[in-house]
Amino acid sequence: MKAYLGVLAAVLIATLPAVAQHPGGGHPSAPPSHGPSAFHGTPHPPEEHRDYQDKPGHPNAPHVDGNKWVGHDTGRDDAHYHLDHPWEHGHFTGGFGPDHRWRLAGGGPGRFWFGGFYFSVAPYDVAFCDGWLWDSDDVIIYDDPDHPGWYLAYNVRLGTYVHVEYLGA
């Protein structure tokens, strides 16, 4: 019995680092079942130093709360996400949504990859991915209905997302 309790204690101790990585000591919410809907209404004015922490314990970065995309509310004309040549490297064809979870395989915000696909984080969003693990985090890609040429990369571990441009395969 003592051996069993010792093994159980060792397993519990080994899981503490994984639990500590998530705000509030738990796992982020489940991945959203779908991407954000096109924004309708009065756009939130773009700001350089906006506070995205909508509730205590939530990240100060664009994130998902249940199926609500917090921070995706600047509207279609947000100059931060304007591309002169949308989809100039083609369209991402690897699959969208929670059924297509991708493990990051290297790089950084300027150029990262997984599964033979290459992406770059929008310059405006680089600060929102400073905690990403570029060689091991899982991401889910969603289409961005408001910003032509951009996709949204949702970090499963952190529950946050950034705008990304597809660079090709």
Protein backbone atom coordinates (compact mmCIF):
# COMPACT_ATOMS: atom_id res chain seq x y z
CA MET A 1 0.00 0.00 0.00
CA LYS A 2 2.87 2.37 0.84
CA ALA A 3 4.41 1.73 -2.58
CA TYR A 4 1.12 2.58 -4.26
CA LEU A 5 0.82 5.84 -2.30
CA GLY A 6 4.41 6.71 -3.18
CA VAL A 7 3.75 6.20 -6.90
CA LEU A 8 0.54 8.22 -6.67
CA ALA A 9 2.37 11.07 -4.91
CA ALA A 10 5.12 11.03 -7.57
CA VAL A 11 2.55 11.21 -10.37
CA LEU A 12 0.75 14.12 -8.72
CA ILE A 13 4.00 16.01 -8.21
CA ALA A 14 4.98 15.40 -11.84
CA THR A 15 1.72 16.99 -13.07
CA LEU A 16 2.13 20.24 -11.12
CA PRO A 17 4.23 22.02 -13.80
CA ALA A 18 1.56 21.34 -16.43
CA VAL A 19 -1.21 22.69 -14.21
CA ALA A 20 0.85 25.75 -13.27
CA GLN A 21 1.19 26.79 -16.92
CA HIS A 22 -2.49 27.69 -17.18
CA PRO A 23 -3.96 30.83 -15.62
CA GLY A 24 -6.04 30.00 -12.60
CA GLY A 25 -4.34 26.60 -12.29
CA GLY A 26 -6.63 24.88 -14.79
CA HIS A 27 -6.73 24.28 -18.48
CA PRO A 28 -7.91 26.99 -20.85
CA SER A 29 -11.40 26.60 -22.20
CA ALA A 30 -11.98 24.03 -24.92
CA PRO A 31 -11.06 25.19 -28.41
CA PRO A 32 -13.83 27.19 -30.03
CA SER A 33 -16.08 25.08 -32.23
CA HIS A 34 -15.93 27.68 -35.01
CA GLY A 35 -14.17 30.87 -35.97
CA PRO A 36 -15.58 34.29 -35.22
CA SER A 37 -18.59 35.53 -37.11
CA ALA A 38 -18.18 38.57 -39.32
CA PHE A 39 -18.30 41.64 -37.09
CA HIS A 40 -21.50 43.70 -37.28
CA GLY A 41 -22.08 46.88 -35.35
CA THR A 42 -19.88 49.76 -34.29
CA PRO A 43 -16.23 48.70 -34.49
CA HIS A 44 -14.04 49.07 -31.44
CA PRO A 45 -11.48 51.73 -32.35
CA PRO A 46 -8.01 50.25 -32.87
CA GLU A 47 -5.68 51.17 -30.01
CA GLU A 48 -1.97 50.57 -29.57
CA HIS A 49 -2.27 49.59 -25.89
CA ARG A 50 -5.72 48.07 -25.50
CA ASP A 51 -6.64 46.04 -22.42
CA TYR A 52 -8.10 42.66 -23.43
CA GLN A 53 -8.51 41.34 -19.90
CA ASP A 54 -12.31 41.23 -19.83
CA LYS A 55 -12.48 39.30 -16.55
CA PRO A 56 -10.07 38.64 -13.67
CA GLY A 57 -7.77 35.77 -14.56
CA HIS A 58 -8.21 36.21 -18.32
CA PRO A 59 -5.17 37.04 -20.47
CA ASN A 60 -4.42 40.59 -21.59
CA ALA A 61 -4.34 39.42 -25.21
CA PRO A 62 -7.02 38.54 -27.73
CA HIS A 63 -8.54 35.31 -26.46
CA VAL A 64 -11.57 33.07 -26.57
CA ASP A 65 -14.06 32.92 -23.71
CA GLY A 66 -16.30 29.93 -24.39
CA ASN A 67 -17.25 30.57 -28.02
CA LYS A 68 -16.83 34.37 -27.76
CA TRP A 69 -13.79 35.81 -29.56
CA VAL A 70 -12.66 38.59 -27.20
CA GLY A 71 -10.84 41.35 -29.09
CA HIS A 72 -12.08 40.52 -32.59
CA ASP A 73 -14.19 43.66 -32.77
CA THR A 74 -12.31 46.34 -34.71
CA GLY A 75 -14.28 45.69 -37.87
CA ARG A 76 -13.42 45.15 -41.50
CA ASP A 77 -11.56 48.43 -42.01
CA ASP A 78 -8.91 47.98 -39.30
CA ALA A 79 -5.74 49.29 -40.97
CA HIS A 80 -3.58 47.00 -38.80
CA TYR A 81 -4.78 44.04 -40.87
CA HIS A 82 -4.86 45.57 -44.34
CA LEU A 83 -2.95 43.63 -47.00
CA ASP A 84 -2.31 45.10 -50.43
CA HIS A 85 -2.28 41.58 -51.92
CA PRO A 86 -4.48 39.25 -49.83
CA TRP A 87 -3.62 35.57 -50.22
CA GLU A 88 -0.58 36.40 -52.35
CA HIS A 89 0.94 33.03 -51.36
CA GLY A 90 -2.29 31.10 -51.91
CA HIS A 91 -4.90 29.79 -49.49
CA PHE A 92 -4.25 27.49 -46.55
CA THR A 93 -5.76 24.07 -47.37
CA GLY A 94 -4.73 22.03 -44.33
CA GLY A 95 -8.09 22.20 -42.56
CA PHE A 96 -9.85 24.56 -40.18
CA GLY A 97 -11.37 24.26 -36.74
CA PRO A 98 -10.87 22.01 -33.72
CA ASP A 99 -10.76 18.81 -35.79
CA HIS A 100 -7.43 20.03 -37.22
CA ARG A 101 -4.98 20.58 -34.37
CA TRP A 102 -1.44 21.41 -35.51
CA ARG A 103 1.80 21.09 -33.48
CA LEU A 104 4.16 24.02 -34.06
CA ALA A 105 7.48 22.71 -35.39
CA GLY A 106 9.74 25.75 -35.17
CA GLY A 107 10.42 29.34 -36.06
CA GLY A 108 8.99 32.43 -34.41
CA PRO A 109 6.47 35.18 -35.09
CA GLY A 110 8.14 36.26 -38.35
CA ARG A 111 7.95 32.75 -39.83
CA PHE A 112 6.74 29.55 -38.21
CA TRP A 113 5.62 26.22 -39.55
CA PHE A 114 3.76 22.99 -38.96
CA GLY A 115 2.83 20.10 -41.24
CA GLY A 116 4.76 21.61 -44.16
CA PHE A 117 2.74 24.88 -44.00
CA TYR A 118 4.38 28.25 -43.27
CA PHE A 119 2.84 31.32 -41.63
CA SER A 120 3.78 34.74 -40.27
CA VAL A 121 2.13 36.62 -37.37
CA ALA A 122 0.65 40.04 -38.16
CA PRO A 123 3.12 42.72 -37.01
CA TYR A 124 0.40 44.30 -34.83
CA ASP A 125 -0.16 40.96 -33.02
CA VAL A 126 3.47 39.95 -32.31
CA ALA A 127 3.27 41.08 -28.67
CA PHE A 128 0.29 38.76 -28.11
CA CYS A 129 2.29 35.61 -28.83
CA ASP A 130 5.31 36.25 -26.59
CA GLY A 131 4.42 33.23 -24.44
CA TRP A 132 4.01 30.82 -27.36
CA LEU A 133 6.26 27.76 -27.53
CA TRP A 134 7.20 27.75 -31.21
CA ASP A 135 8.42 24.16 -31.22
CA SER A 136 5.69 22.45 -29.22
CA ASP A 137 2.41 24.38 -28.79
CA ASP A 138 -0.73 23.16 -30.55
CA VAL A 139 -2.62 25.65 -32.70
CA ILE A 140 -5.92 25.59 -34.52
CA ILE A 141 -6.41 27.68 -37.64
CA TYR A 142 -9.65 29.54 -38.33
CA ASP A 143 -10.64 31.72 -41.28
CA ASP A 144 -10.92 35.44 -40.49
CA PRO A 145 -14.21 36.71 -41.97
CA ASP A 146 -13.33 40.39 -41.49
CA HIS A 147 -9.75 40.73 -42.70
CA PRO A 148 -9.06 39.42 -46.23
CA GLY A 149 -5.85 37.44 -46.45
CA TRP A 150 -5.61 36.71 -42.72
CA TYR A 151 -6.31 33.62 -40.66
CA LEU A 152 -6.55 33.28 -36.89
CA ALA A 153 -4.15 30.95 -35.11
CA TYR A 154 -5.63 29.87 -31.77
CA ASN A 155 -3.07 28.65 -29.21
CA VAL A 156 -4.71 25.71 -27.43
CA ARG A 157 -2.45 25.87 -24.36
CA LEU A 158 -2.95 29.58 -23.71
CA GLY A 159 -6.45 30.13 -25.11
CA THR A 160 -5.20 33.18 -27.05
CA TYR A 161 -5.10 33.91 -30.76
CA VAL A 162 -3.26 36.05 -33.29
CA HIS A 163 -3.80 37.01 -36.92
CA VAL A 164 -1.52 35.05 -39.24
CA GLU A 165 -0.75 35.23 -42.95
CA TYR A 166 -0.23 32.05 -44.94
CA LEU A 167 3.22 31.99 -46.59
CA GLY A 168 2.80 28.77 -48.55
CA ALA A 169 3.73 25.11 -48.32
